Amino acid sequence: MKTTLELEDDVAARLKSVAQAIGIPFEKVLNDAVREGLPKVAQNIPIKAKPFRQKTQNLGIYPHIDYSKTSALLAEMEVEAFLQS
């Protein structure tokens, strides 16, 4: 694959120096360096967790109860359950 990328001067100079020293093409040195360093970079990628899904239970509708006060709702339901048993 062909692509254009911008290397910082110090990185390009080191890559050229290594390529000349060992006698292999610049592109091969660049590809090898990326392959070597990519696992380290990939370790910093945050793992996307599966979204949490809360299972809900239909509690029914009690028209005489104010649902904005859940503690009162729970107390009322507890009293009803106690009286029915």
Protein backbone atom coordinates (compact mmCIF):
# COMPACT_ATOMS: atom_id res chain seq x y z
CA MET A 1 0.00 0.00 0.00
CA LYS A 2 1.25 3.44 -0.84
CA THR A 3 0.65 6.28 1.56
CA THR A 4 2.15 9.65 2.31
CA LEU A 5 3.24 10.41 5.84
CA GLU A 6 5.11 13.16 7.53
CA LEU A 7 8.07 12.12 9.65
CA GLU A 8 9.78 14.40 12.10
CA ASP A 9 13.32 15.28 11.04
CA ASP A 10 15.07 13.34 13.80
CA VAL A 11 13.03 10.19 13.09
CA ALA A 12 13.67 10.38 9.35
CA ALA A 13 17.40 10.90 9.95
CA ARG A 14 17.60 7.85 12.24
CA LEU A 15 15.69 5.69 9.76
CA LYS A 16 17.96 6.77 6.88
CA SER A 17 21.04 6.17 9.01
CA VAL A 18 19.94 2.65 9.93
CA ALA A 19 18.97 1.87 6.34
CA GLN A 20 22.40 2.96 5.07
CA ALA A 21 24.26 1.17 7.87
CA ILE A 22 22.66 -2.20 7.25
CA GLY A 23 22.15 -1.77 3.52
CA ILE A 24 18.41 -2.25 3.25
CA PRO A 25 15.80 0.08 1.75
CA PHE A 26 14.43 2.94 3.83
CA GLU A 27 10.86 1.62 3.42
CA LYS A 28 11.81 -1.78 4.88
CA VAL A 29 13.45 -0.14 7.91
CA LEU A 30 10.37 2.01 8.40
CA ASN A 31 7.98 -0.98 8.13
CA ASP A 32 10.10 -3.04 10.53
CA ALA A 33 10.23 -0.17 13.04
CA VAL A 34 6.46 0.29 12.88
CA ARG A 35 5.86 -3.47 13.30
CA GLU A 36 8.18 -3.52 16.30
CA GLY A 37 6.65 -0.49 18.01
CA LEU A 38 3.00 -1.04 17.18
CA PRO A 39 2.29 -3.54 20.00
CA LYS A 40 3.52 -1.00 22.56
CA VAL A 41 1.24 1.66 21.11
CA ALA A 42 -1.69 -0.78 20.94
CA GLN A 43 -1.35 -1.52 24.68
CA ASN A 44 -2.47 2.04 25.40
CA ILE A 45 -5.75 1.67 23.51
CA PRO A 46 -8.60 1.60 26.02
CA ILE A 47 -10.66 -1.58 25.94
CA LYS A 48 -14.25 -0.90 24.99
CA ALA A 49 -16.44 -2.73 27.43
CA LYS A 50 -19.83 -4.04 26.48
CA PRO A 51 -22.44 -1.44 27.49
CA PHE A 52 -24.12 -2.16 30.80
CA ARG A 53 -27.79 -2.96 30.43
CA GLN A 54 -29.97 -2.89 33.53
CA LYS A 55 -32.74 -5.45 33.55
CA THR A 56 -35.93 -3.91 34.82
CA GLN A 57 -39.05 -5.31 36.41
CA ASN A 58 -42.52 -3.92 35.86
CA LEU A 59 -43.84 -3.05 39.32
CA GLY A 60 -47.28 -2.11 38.12
CA ILE A 61 -49.08 1.18 38.53
CA TYR A 62 -50.40 2.46 41.86
CA PRO A 63 -52.37 5.63 41.04
CA HIS A 64 -52.53 6.79 44.67
CA ILE A 65 -48.73 6.82 45.09
CA ASP A 66 -46.36 9.66 44.18
CA TYR A 67 -43.61 7.97 42.15
CA SER A 68 -41.20 10.84 42.73
CA LYS A 69 -40.78 9.60 46.31
CA THR A 70 -39.44 6.08 45.87
CA SER A 71 -38.82 5.41 49.54
CA ALA A 72 -42.47 6.14 50.27
CA LEU A 73 -43.44 3.88 47.38
CA LEU A 74 -41.35 1.02 48.72
CA ALA A 75 -42.78 1.45 52.20
CA GLU A 76 -46.34 1.42 50.84
CA MET A 77 -45.67 -1.72 48.81
CA GLU A 78 -44.10 -3.42 51.82
CA VAL A 79 -47.18 -2.65 53.93
CA GLU A 80 -49.48 -3.99 51.19
CA ALA A 81 -47.43 -7.20 50.88
CA PHE A 82 -47.47 -7.68 54.65
CA LEU A 83 -51.26 -7.18 54.87
CA GLN A 84 -51.87 -9.63 52.02
CA SER A 85 -49.85 -12.42 53.61
